[in-house]
Amino acid sequence: MVHFMLEITYTVPLEQIEPIVAEHRAFLQTGYDQGLLLMAGPQNPRIGGIVIARAASLAAIQAFFANDPYQSANVAEYRFVEFNPVKHQPWLEEWVTGNVE
């Protein structure tokens, strides 16, 4: 399992993002349901968002996010940072070492 920090940066004014937020969050829910996502939320100030994710590979997580409504609407850029979570809370052990369901 490979772990990622995704930085989503809006490329349009927030007013153009707002109508898509609910659809984007519904899309993220599919990632939680598949065991790909641990957490996500908007940056402060609200210029984009951060996602902590895992997948079999960089290509796999990029393929997943290719279906994000923000991507479809061409309103955001994505930066995928791979990392190795060698230290984490004990209650995260199963998620860190587990398989994508």
PDB file of N, CA and C in Angstrom:
ATOM      1  N   MET A   1       0.844  -1.173   0.000  1.00  0.00           N
ATOM      2  CA  MET A   1       0.000   0.000   0.000  1.00  0.00           C
ATOM      3  C   MET A   1       0.892   1.239   0.000  1.00  0.00           C
ATOM      4  N   VAL A   2       0.560   2.200  -0.836  1.00  0.00           N
ATOM      5  CA  VAL A   2       1.308   3.448  -0.943  1.00  0.00           C
ATOM      6  C   VAL A   2       0.432   4.566  -0.381  1.00  0.00           C
ATOM      7  N   HIS A   3       1.042   5.471   0.375  1.00  0.00           N
ATOM      8  CA  HIS A   3       0.305   6.543   1.032  1.00  0.00           C
ATOM      9  C   HIS A   3       0.620   7.886   0.391  1.00  0.00           C
ATOM     10  N   PHE A   4      -0.395   8.764   0.383  1.00  0.00           N
ATOM     11  CA  PHE A   4      -0.262  10.049  -0.280  1.00  0.00           C
ATOM     12  C   PHE A   4      -0.907  11.164   0.522  1.00  0.00           C
ATOM     13  N   MET A   5      -0.308  12.336   0.392  1.00  0.00           N
ATOM     14  CA  MET A   5      -0.931  13.582   0.796  1.00  0.00           C
ATOM     15  C   MET A   5      -1.237  14.278  -0.524  1.00  0.00           C
ATOM     16  N   LEU A   6      -2.512  14.586  -0.742  1.00  0.00           N
ATOM     17  CA  LEU A   6      -2.907  15.307  -1.948  1.00  0.00           C
ATOM     18  C   LEU A   6      -3.186  16.744  -1.585  1.00  0.00           C
ATOM     19  N   GLU A   7      -2.657  17.622  -2.381  1.00  0.00           N
ATOM     20  CA  GLU A   7      -2.978  19.038  -2.241  1.00  0.00           C
ATOM     21  C   GLU A   7      -3.797  19.420  -3.467  1.00  0.00           C
ATOM     22  N   ILE A   8      -5.024  19.836  -3.218  1.00  0.00           N
ATOM     23  CA  ILE A   8      -5.910  20.298  -4.285  1.00  0.00           C
ATOM     24  C   ILE A   8      -5.917  21.823  -4.210  1.00  0.00           C
ATOM     25  N   THR A   9      -5.589  22.464  -5.309  1.00  0.00           N
ATOM     26  CA  THR A   9      -5.545  23.923  -5.362  1.00  0.00           C
ATOM     27  C   THR A   9      -6.562  24.405  -6.385  1.00  0.00           C
ATOM     28  N   TYR A  10      -7.446  25.283  -5.947  1.00  0.00           N
ATOM     29  CA  TYR A  10      -8.442  25.844  -6.855  1.00  0.00           C
ATOM     30  C   TYR A  10      -7.757  26.730  -7.894  1.00  0.00           C
ATOM     31  N   THR A  11      -8.223  26.639  -9.124  1.00  0.00           N
ATOM     32  CA  THR A  11      -7.682  27.455 -10.210  1.00  0.00           C
ATOM     33  C   THR A  11      -8.680  28.505 -10.676  1.00  0.00           C
ATOM     34  N   VAL A  12      -9.810  28.566  -9.994  1.00  0.00           N
ATOM     35  CA  VAL A  12     -10.862  29.540 -10.303  1.00  0.00           C
ATOM     36  C   VAL A  12     -11.326  30.162  -8.983  1.00  0.00           C
ATOM     37  N   PRO A  13     -12.047  31.272  -9.044  1.00  0.00           N
ATOM     38  CA  PRO A  13     -12.559  31.879  -7.807  1.00  0.00           C
ATOM     39  C   PRO A  13     -13.486  30.932  -7.040  1.00  0.00           C
ATOM     40  N   LEU A  14     -13.514  31.102  -5.733  1.00  0.00           N
ATOM     41  CA  LEU A  14     -14.320  30.262  -4.844  1.00  0.00           C
ATOM     42  C   LEU A  14     -15.789  30.236  -5.268  1.00  0.00           C
ATOM     43  N   GLU A  15     -16.278  31.308  -5.831  1.00  0.00           N
ATOM     44  CA  GLU A  15     -17.678  31.359  -6.278  1.00  0.00           C
ATOM     45  C   GLU A  15     -17.972  30.283  -7.329  1.00  0.00           C
ATOM     46  N   GLN A  16     -16.962  29.899  -8.100  1.00  0.00           N
ATOM     47  CA  GLN A  16     -17.136  28.847  -9.103  1.00  0.00           C
ATOM     48  C   GLN A  16     -16.982  27.447  -8.491  1.00  0.00           C
ATOM     49  N   ILE A  17     -16.363  27.375  -7.334  1.00  0.00           N
ATOM     50  CA  ILE A  17     -16.170  26.103  -6.634  1.00  0.00           C
ATOM     51  C   ILE A  17     -17.439  25.719  -5.876  1.00  0.00           C
ATOM     52  N   GLU A  18     -18.046  26.691  -5.218  1.00  0.00           N
ATOM     53  CA  GLU A  18     -19.194  26.430  -4.334  1.00  0.00           C
ATOM     54  C   GLU A  18     -20.280  25.545  -4.952  1.00  0.00           C
ATOM     55  N   PRO A  19     -20.691  25.751  -6.210  1.00  0.00           N
ATOM     56  CA  PRO A  19     -21.761  24.912  -6.762  1.00  0.00           C
ATOM     57  C   PRO A  19     -21.368  23.435  -6.944  1.00  0.00           C
ATOM     58  N   ILE A  20     -20.068  23.144  -6.870  1.00  0.00           N
ATOM     59  CA  ILE A  20     -19.579  21.784  -7.123  1.00  0.00           C
ATOM     60  C   ILE A  20     -19.217  21.048  -5.831  1.00  0.00           C
ATOM     61  N   VAL A  21     -19.169  21.760  -4.710  1.00  0.00           N
ATOM     62  CA  VAL A  21     -18.682  21.177  -3.447  1.00  0.00           C
ATOM     63  C   VAL A  21     -19.459  19.923  -3.046  1.00  0.00           C
ATOM     64  N   ALA A  22     -20.776  19.951  -3.093  1.00  0.00           N
ATOM     65  CA  ALA A  22     -21.565  18.781  -2.666  1.00  0.00           C
ATOM     66  C   ALA A  22     -21.255  17.564  -3.538  1.00  0.00           C
ATOM     67  N   GLU A  23     -21.130  17.772  -4.831  1.00  0.00           N
ATOM     68  CA  GLU A  23     -20.804  16.676  -5.741  1.00  0.00           C
ATOM     69  C   GLU A  23     -19.387  16.158  -5.474  1.00  0.00           C
ATOM     70  N   HIS A  24     -18.449  17.058  -5.204  1.00  0.00           N
ATOM     71  CA  HIS A  24     -17.079  16.677  -4.856  1.00  0.00           C
ATOM     72  C   HIS A  24     -17.059  15.844  -3.572  1.00  0.00           C
ATOM     73  N   ARG A  25     -17.801  16.266  -2.558  1.00  0.00           N
ATOM     74  CA  ARG A  25     -17.829  15.529  -1.283  1.00  0.00           C
ATOM     75  C   ARG A  25     -18.500  14.169  -1.449  1.00  0.00           C
ATOM     76  N   ALA A  26     -19.505  14.064  -2.304  1.00  0.00           N
ATOM     77  CA  ALA A  26     -20.121  12.759  -2.595  1.00  0.00           C
ATOM     78  C   ALA A  26     -19.109  11.852  -3.286  1.00  0.00           C
ATOM     79  N   PHE A  27     -18.323  12.421  -4.190  1.00  0.00           N
ATOM     80  CA  PHE A  27     -17.257  11.658  -4.834  1.00  0.00           C
ATOM     81  C   PHE A  27     -16.251  11.166  -3.790  1.00  0.00           C
ATOM     82  N   LEU A  28     -15.824  12.050  -2.883  1.00  0.00           N
ATOM     83  CA  LEU A  28     -14.879  11.639  -1.837  1.00  0.00           C
ATOM     84  C   LEU A  28     -15.439  10.494  -1.011  1.00  0.00           C
ATOM     85  N   GLN A  29     -16.744  10.495  -0.756  1.00  0.00           N
ATOM     86  CA  GLN A  29     -17.354   9.417   0.022  1.00  0.00           C
ATOM     87  C   GLN A  29     -17.104   8.064  -0.629  1.00  0.00           C
ATOM     88  N   THR A  30     -17.092   8.022  -1.953  1.00  0.00           N
ATOM     89  CA  THR A  30     -16.810   6.746  -2.629  1.00  0.00           C
ATOM     90  C   THR A  30     -15.389   6.276  -2.306  1.00  0.00           C
ATOM     91  N   GLY A  31     -14.473   7.219  -2.115  1.00  0.00           N
ATOM     92  CA  GLY A  31     -13.106   6.865  -1.721  1.00  0.00           C
ATOM     93  C   GLY A  31     -13.036   6.331  -0.306  1.00  0.00           C
ATOM     94  N   TYR A  32     -13.850   6.912   0.593  1.00  0.00           N
ATOM     95  CA  TYR A  32     -13.926   6.380   1.956  1.00  0.00           C
ATOM     96  C   TYR A  32     -14.520   4.980   1.932  1.00  0.00           C
ATOM     97  N   ASP A  33     -15.567   4.803   1.130  1.00  0.00           N
ATOM     98  CA  ASP A  33     -16.230   3.497   1.045  1.00  0.00           C
ATOM     99  C   ASP A  33     -15.296   2.416   0.506  1.00  0.00           C
ATOM    100  N   GLN A  34     -14.365   2.797  -0.359  1.00  0.00           N
ATOM    101  CA  GLN A  34     -13.406   1.847  -0.931  1.00  0.00           C
ATOM    102  C   GLN A  34     -12.170   1.653  -0.052  1.00  0.00           C
ATOM    103  N   GLY A  35     -12.068   2.418   1.033  1.00  0.00           N
ATOM    104  CA  GLY A  35     -10.913   2.313   1.915  1.00  0.00           C
ATOM    105  C   GLY A  35      -9.697   3.072   1.415  1.00  0.00           C
ATOM    106  N   LEU A  36      -9.886   3.965   0.446  1.00  0.00           N
ATOM    107  CA  LEU A  36      -8.765   4.724  -0.114  1.00  0.00           C
ATOM    108  C   LEU A  36      -8.430   5.971   0.690  1.00  0.00           C
ATOM    109  N   LEU A  37      -9.422   6.591   1.309  1.00  0.00           N
ATOM    110  CA  LEU A  37      -9.227   7.884   1.959  1.00  0.00           C
ATOM    111  C   LEU A  37      -9.314   7.775   3.472  1.00  0.00           C
ATOM    112  N   LEU A  38      -8.462   8.521   4.141  1.00  0.00           N
ATOM    113  CA  LEU A  38      -8.488   8.585   5.604  1.00  0.00           C
ATOM    114  C   LEU A  38      -9.161   9.870   6.070  1.00  0.00           C
ATOM    115  N   MET A  39      -8.808  10.987   5.444  1.00  0.00           N
ATOM    116  CA  MET A  39      -9.402  12.262   5.826  1.00  0.00           C
ATOM    117  C   MET A  39      -9.219  13.263   4.702  1.00  0.00           C
ATOM    118  N   ALA A  40     -10.089  14.285   4.708  1.00  0.00           N
ATOM    119  CA  ALA A  40     -10.018  15.344   3.704  1.00  0.00           C
ATOM    120  C   ALA A  40     -10.696  16.580   4.255  1.00  0.00           C
ATOM    121  N   GLY A  41     -10.278  17.734   3.775  1.00  0.00           N
ATOM    122  CA  GLY A  41     -10.924  18.960   4.190  1.00  0.00           C
ATOM    123  C   GLY A  41     -10.325  20.164   3.512  1.00  0.00           C
ATOM    124  N   PRO A  42     -11.044  21.283   3.594  1.00  0.00           N
ATOM    125  CA  PRO A  42     -10.571  22.508   2.953  1.00  0.00           C
ATOM    126  C   PRO A  42      -9.371  23.104   3.682  1.00  0.00           C
ATOM    127  N   GLN A  43      -8.531  23.762   2.912  1.00  0.00           N
ATOM    128  CA  GLN A  43      -7.421  24.510   3.490  1.00  0.00           C
ATOM    129  C   GLN A  43      -7.968  25.793   4.118  1.00  0.00           C
ATOM    130  N   ASN A  44      -7.164  26.387   4.983  1.00  0.00           N
ATOM    131  CA  ASN A  44      -7.505  27.660   5.586  1.00  0.00           C
ATOM    132  C   ASN A  44      -6.322  28.594   5.382  1.00  0.00           C
ATOM    133  N   PRO A  45      -6.427  29.629   4.541  1.00  0.00           N
ATOM    134  CA  PRO A  45      -7.620  30.104   3.856  1.00  0.00           C
ATOM    135  C   PRO A  45      -8.069  29.113   2.777  1.00  0.00           C
ATOM    136  N   ARG A  46      -9.285  29.274   2.353  1.00  0.00           N
ATOM    137  CA  ARG A  46      -9.949  28.308   1.475  1.00  0.00           C
ATOM    138  C   ARG A  46      -9.511  28.481   0.011  1.00  0.00           C
ATOM    139  N   ILE A  47      -8.292  27.994  -0.254  1.00  0.00           N
ATOM    140  CA  ILE A  47      -7.722  28.063  -1.602  1.00  0.00           C
ATOM    141  C   ILE A  47      -7.660  26.682  -2.244  1.00  0.00           C
ATOM    142  N   GLY A  48      -8.160  25.676  -1.533  1.00  0.00           N
ATOM    143  CA  GLY A  48      -8.120  24.300  -2.003  1.00  0.00           C
ATOM    144  C   GLY A  48      -8.368  23.365  -0.843  1.00  0.00           C
ATOM    145  N   GLY A  49      -7.885  22.142  -0.967  1.00  0.00           N
ATOM    146  CA  GLY A  49      -8.101  21.152   0.076  1.00  0.00           C
ATOM    147  C   GLY A  49      -6.919  20.222   0.220  1.00  0.00           C
ATOM    148  N   ILE A  50      -6.960  19.427   1.283  1.00  0.00           N
ATOM    149  CA  ILE A  50      -5.936  18.422   1.572  1.00  0.00           C
ATOM    150  C   ILE A  50      -6.641  17.085   1.754  1.00  0.00           C
ATOM    151  N   VAL A  51      -6.030  16.021   1.221  1.00  0.00           N
ATOM    152  CA  VAL A  51      -6.567  14.667   1.350  1.00  0.00           C
ATOM    153  C   VAL A  51      -5.429  13.745   1.768  1.00  0.00           C
ATOM    154  N   ILE A  52      -5.687  12.870   2.724  1.00  0.00           N
ATOM    155  CA  ILE A  52      -4.755  11.803   3.079  1.00  0.00           C
ATOM    156  C   ILE A  52      -5.359  10.521   2.516  1.00  0.00           C
ATOM    157  N   ALA A  53      -4.575   9.836   1.680  1.00  0.00           N
ATOM    158  CA  ALA A  53      -5.101   8.690   0.937  1.00  0.00           C
ATOM    159  C   ALA A  53      -4.083   7.566   0.860  1.00  0.00           C
ATOM    160  N   ARG A  54      -4.562   6.424   0.395  1.00  0.00           N
ATOM    161  CA  ARG A  54      -3.696   5.276   0.123  1.00  0.00           C
ATOM    162  C   ARG A  54      -4.236   4.571  -1.112  1.00  0.00           C
ATOM    163  N   ALA A  55      -3.359   3.870  -1.797  1.00  0.00           N
ATOM    164  CA  ALA A  55      -3.758   3.119  -2.981  1.00  0.00           C
ATOM    165  C   ALA A  55      -2.649   2.139  -3.311  1.00  0.00           C
ATOM    166  N   ALA A  56      -2.895   1.303  -4.293  1.00  0.00           N
ATOM    167  CA  ALA A  56      -1.884   0.328  -4.715  1.00  0.00           C
ATOM    168  C   ALA A  56      -0.689   1.018  -5.372  1.00  0.00           C
ATOM    169  N   SER A  57      -0.927   2.192  -5.984  1.00  0.00           N
ATOM    170  CA  SER A  57       0.145   2.896  -6.692  1.00  0.00           C
ATOM    171  C   SER A  57      -0.260   4.345  -6.928  1.00  0.00           C
ATOM    172  N   LEU A  58       0.708   5.134  -7.359  1.00  0.00           N
ATOM    173  CA  LEU A  58       0.415   6.514  -7.741  1.00  0.00           C
ATOM    174  C   LEU A  58      -0.577   6.530  -8.895  1.00  0.00           C
ATOM    175  N   ALA A  59      -0.380   5.660  -9.868  1.00  0.00           N
ATOM    176  CA  ALA A  59      -1.298   5.603 -11.013  1.00  0.00           C
ATOM    177  C   ALA A  59      -2.720   5.303 -10.559  1.00  0.00           C
ATOM    178  N   ALA A  60      -2.868   4.436  -9.564  1.00  0.00           N
ATOM    179  CA  ALA A  60      -4.201   4.067  -9.080  1.00  0.00           C
ATOM    180  C   ALA A  60      -4.899   5.242  -8.406  1.00  0.00           C
ATOM    181  N   ILE A  61      -4.184   6.003  -7.580  1.00  0.00           N
ATOM    182  CA  ILE A  61      -4.835   7.132  -6.899  1.00  0.00           C
ATOM    183  C   ILE A  61      -5.093   8.263  -7.891  1.00  0.00           C
ATOM    184  N   GLN A  62      -4.212   8.430  -8.860  1.00  0.00           N
ATOM    185  CA  GLN A  62      -4.458   9.438  -9.898  1.00  0.00           C
ATOM    186  C   GLN A  62      -5.677   9.058 -10.734  1.00  0.00           C
ATOM    187  N   ALA A  63      -5.832   7.784 -11.032  1.00  0.00           N
ATOM    188  CA  ALA A  63      -7.003   7.322 -11.788  1.00  0.00           C
ATOM    189  C   ALA A  63      -8.284   7.567 -10.993  1.00  0.00           C
ATOM    190  N   PHE A  64      -8.238   7.318  -9.691  1.00  0.00           N
ATOM    191  CA  PHE A  64      -9.408   7.594  -8.855  1.00  0.00           C
ATOM    192  C   PHE A  64      -9.774   9.070  -8.920  1.00  0.00           C
ATOM    193  N   PHE A  65      -8.798   9.956  -8.705  1.00  0.00           N
ATOM    194  CA  PHE A  65      -9.085  11.388  -8.672  1.00  0.00           C
ATOM    195  C   PHE A  65      -9.378  11.970 -10.053  1.00  0.00           C
ATOM    196  N   ALA A  66      -9.121  11.229 -11.102  1.00  0.00           N
ATOM    197  CA  ALA A  66      -9.501  11.681 -12.454  1.00  0.00           C
ATOM    198  C   ALA A  66     -11.022  11.806 -12.567  1.00  0.00           C
ATOM    199  N   ASN A  67     -11.757  11.133 -11.680  1.00  0.00           N
ATOM    200  CA  ASN A  67     -13.219  11.179 -11.670  1.00  0.00           C
ATOM    201  C   ASN A  67     -13.790  12.223 -10.723  1.00  0.00           C
ATOM    202  N   ASP A  68     -12.933  12.988 -10.059  1.00  0.00           N
ATOM    203  CA  ASP A  68     -13.385  14.032  -9.138  1.00  0.00           C
ATOM    204  C   ASP A  68     -14.117  15.114  -9.939  1.00  0.00           C
ATOM    205  N   PRO A  69     -15.285  15.541  -9.483  1.00  0.00           N
ATOM    206  CA  PRO A  69     -16.001  16.622 -10.163  1.00  0.00           C
ATOM    207  C   PRO A  69     -15.161  17.894 -10.353  1.00  0.00           C
ATOM    208  N   TYR A  70     -14.251  18.180  -9.438  1.00  0.00           N
ATOM    209  CA  TYR A  70     -13.367  19.334  -9.626  1.00  0.00           C
ATOM    210  C   TYR A  70     -12.505  19.146 -10.875  1.00  0.00           C
ATOM    211  N   GLN A  71     -12.048  17.911 -11.082  1.00  0.00           N
ATOM    212  CA  GLN A  71     -11.237  17.600 -12.263  1.00  0.00           C
ATOM    213  C   GLN A  71     -12.092  17.717 -13.519  1.00  0.00           C
ATOM    214  N   SER A  72     -13.293  17.153 -13.479  1.00  0.00           N
ATOM    215  CA  SER A  72     -14.195  17.191 -14.633  1.00  0.00           C
ATOM    216  C   SER A  72     -14.540  18.622 -15.023  1.00  0.00           C
ATOM    217  N   ALA A  73     -14.704  19.489 -14.026  1.00  0.00           N
ATOM    218  CA  ALA A  73     -15.052  20.883 -14.276  1.00  0.00           C
ATOM    219  C   ALA A  73     -13.819  21.752 -14.551  1.00  0.00           C
ATOM    220  N   ASN A  74     -12.641  21.135 -14.429  1.00  0.00           N
ATOM    221  CA  ASN A  74     -11.384  21.845 -14.681  1.00  0.00           C
ATOM    222  C   ASN A  74     -11.246  23.095 -13.800  1.00  0.00           C
ATOM    223  N   VAL A  75     -11.504  22.906 -12.494  1.00  0.00           N
ATOM    224  CA  VAL A  75     -11.449  24.031 -11.556  1.00  0.00           C
ATOM    225  C   VAL A  75     -10.357  23.884 -10.498  1.00  0.00           C
ATOM    226  N   ALA A  76      -9.538  22.823 -10.607  1.00  0.00           N
ATOM    227  CA  ALA A  76      -8.511  22.592  -9.592  1.00  0.00           C
ATOM    228  C   ALA A  76      -7.331  21.842 -10.182  1.00  0.00           C
ATOM    229  N   GLU A  77      -6.190  21.995  -9.517  1.00  0.00           N
ATOM    230  CA  GLU A  77      -4.979  21.237  -9.832  1.00  0.00           C
ATOM    231  C   GLU A  77      -4.691  20.313  -8.654  1.00  0.00           C
ATOM    232  N   TYR A  78      -4.024  19.199  -8.925  1.00  0.00           N
ATOM    233  CA  TYR A  78      -3.750  18.186  -7.911  1.00  0.00           C
ATOM    234  C   TYR A  78      -2.248  17.960  -7.815  1.00  0.00           C
ATOM    235  N   ARG A  79      -1.757  17.898  -6.585  1.00  0.00           N
ATOM    236  CA  ARG A  79      -0.358  17.548  -6.342  1.00  0.00           C
ATOM    237  C   ARG A  79      -0.367  16.325  -5.429  1.00  0.00           C
ATOM    238  N   PHE A  80       0.245  15.240  -5.878  1.00  0.00           N
ATOM    239  CA  PHE A  80       0.288  13.985  -5.140  1.00  0.00           C
ATOM    240  C   PHE A  80       1.669  13.836  -4.530  1.00  0.00           C
ATOM    241  N   VAL A  81       1.737  13.763  -3.203  1.00  0.00           N
ATOM    242  CA  VAL A  81       3.002  13.605  -2.492  1.00  0.00           C
ATOM    243  C   VAL A  81       2.980  12.239  -1.813  1.00  0.00           C
ATOM    244  N   GLU A  82       3.834  11.346  -2.256  1.00  0.00           N
ATOM    245  CA  GLU A  82       3.919  10.015  -1.636  1.00  0.00           C
ATOM    246  C   GLU A  82       4.749  10.122  -0.359  1.00  0.00           C
ATOM    247  N   PHE A  83       4.303   9.409   0.668  1.00  0.00           N
ATOM    248  CA  PHE A  83       5.074   9.378   1.912  1.00  0.00           C
ATOM    249  C   PHE A  83       4.932   8.010   2.567  1.00  0.00           C
ATOM    250  N   ASN A  84       5.849   7.730   3.493  1.00  0.00           N
ATOM    251  CA  ASN A  84       5.862   6.469   4.213  1.00  0.00           C
ATOM    252  C   ASN A  84       5.510   6.756   5.674  1.00  0.00           C
ATOM    253  N   PRO A  85       4.311   6.388   6.127  1.00  0.00           N
ATOM    254  CA  PRO A  85       3.883   6.708   7.491  1.00  0.00           C
ATOM    255  C   PRO A  85       4.529   5.782   8.539  1.00  0.00           C
ATOM    256  N   VAL A  86       5.823   5.986   8.773  1.00  0.00           N
ATOM    257  CA  VAL A  86       6.542   5.127   9.711  1.00  0.00           C
ATOM    258  C   VAL A  86       6.121   5.361  11.160  1.00  0.00           C
ATOM    259  N   LYS A  87       5.594   6.535  11.461  1.00  0.00           N
ATOM    260  CA  LYS A  87       5.074   6.830  12.797  1.00  0.00           C
ATOM    261  C   LYS A  87       3.617   7.233  12.653  1.00  0.00           C
ATOM    262  N   HIS A  88       2.769   6.688  13.510  1.00  0.00           N
ATOM    263  CA  HIS A  88       1.343   7.013  13.494  1.00  0.00           C
ATOM    264  C   HIS A  88       0.732   6.565  14.803  1.00  0.00           C
ATOM    265  N   GLN A  89      -0.459   7.046  15.067  1.00  0.00           N
ATOM    266  CA  GLN A  89      -1.189   6.624  16.256  1.00  0.00           C
ATOM    267  C   GLN A  89      -1.471   5.122  16.163  1.00  0.00           C
ATOM    268  N   PRO A  90      -1.406   4.411  17.277  1.00  0.00           N
ATOM    269  CA  PRO A  90      -1.671   2.970  17.242  1.00  0.00           C
ATOM    270  C   PRO A  90      -3.031   2.618  16.644  1.00  0.00           C
ATOM    271  N   TRP A  91      -4.038   3.461  16.853  1.00  0.00           N
ATOM    272  CA  TRP A  91      -5.365   3.158  16.330  1.00  0.00           C
ATOM    273  C   TRP A  91      -5.437   3.266  14.809  1.00  0.00           C
ATOM    274  N   LEU A  92      -4.383   3.784  14.164  1.00  0.00           N
ATOM    275  CA  LEU A  92      -4.322   3.846  12.701  1.00  0.00           C
ATOM    276  C   LEU A  92      -3.625   2.643  12.083  1.00  0.00           C
ATOM    277  N   GLU A  93      -3.113   1.762  12.901  1.00  0.00           N
ATOM    278  CA  GLU A  93      -2.316   0.628  12.409  1.00  0.00           C
ATOM    279  C   GLU A  93      -3.030  -0.161  11.314  1.00  0.00           C
ATOM    280  N   GLU A  94      -4.279  -0.501  11.528  1.00  0.00           N
ATOM    281  CA  GLU A  94      -5.008  -1.301  10.537  1.00  0.00           C
ATOM    282  C   GLU A  94      -5.145  -0.569   9.210  1.00  0.00           C
ATOM    283  N   TRP A  95      -5.428   0.733   9.249  1.00  0.00           N
ATOM    284  CA  TRP A  95      -5.559   1.495   8.006  1.00  0.00           C
ATOM    285  C   TRP A  95      -4.217   1.631   7.292  1.00  0.00           C
ATOM    286  N   VAL A  96      -3.168   1.891   8.060  1.00  0.00           N
ATOM    287  CA  VAL A  96      -1.836   2.083   7.475  1.00  0.00           C
ATOM    288  C   VAL A  96      -1.326   0.797   6.836  1.00  0.00           C
ATOM    289  N   THR A  97      -1.547  -0.324   7.483  1.00  0.00           N
ATOM    290  CA  THR A  97      -1.003  -1.579   6.975  1.00  0.00           C
ATOM    291  C   THR A  97      -2.014  -2.429   6.208  1.00  0.00           C
ATOM    292  N   GLY A  98      -3.295  -2.037   6.256  1.00  0.00           N
ATOM    293  CA  GLY A  98      -4.346  -2.834   5.636  1.00  0.00           C
ATOM    294  C   GLY A  98      -4.377  -2.754   4.124  1.00  0.00           C
ATOM    295  N   ASN A  99      -5.218  -3.559   3.540  1.00  0.00           N
ATOM    296  CA  ASN A  99      -5.410  -3.583   2.103  1.00  0.00           C
ATOM    297  C   ASN A  99      -6.616  -2.755   1.719  1.00  0.00           C
ATOM    298  N   VAL A 100      -6.608  -2.251   0.477  1.00  0.00           N
ATOM    299  CA  VAL A 100      -7.778  -1.570  -0.058  1.00  0.00           C
ATOM    300  C   VAL A 100      -8.866  -2.601  -0.193  1.00  0.00           C
ATOM    301  N   GLU A 101     -10.037  -2.286   0.347  1.00  0.00           N
ATOM    302  CA  GLU A 101     -11.146  -3.231   0.320  1.00  0.00           C
ATOM    303  C   GLU A 101     -11.781  -3.304  -1.048  1.00  0.00           C
TER     304      GLU A 101
END
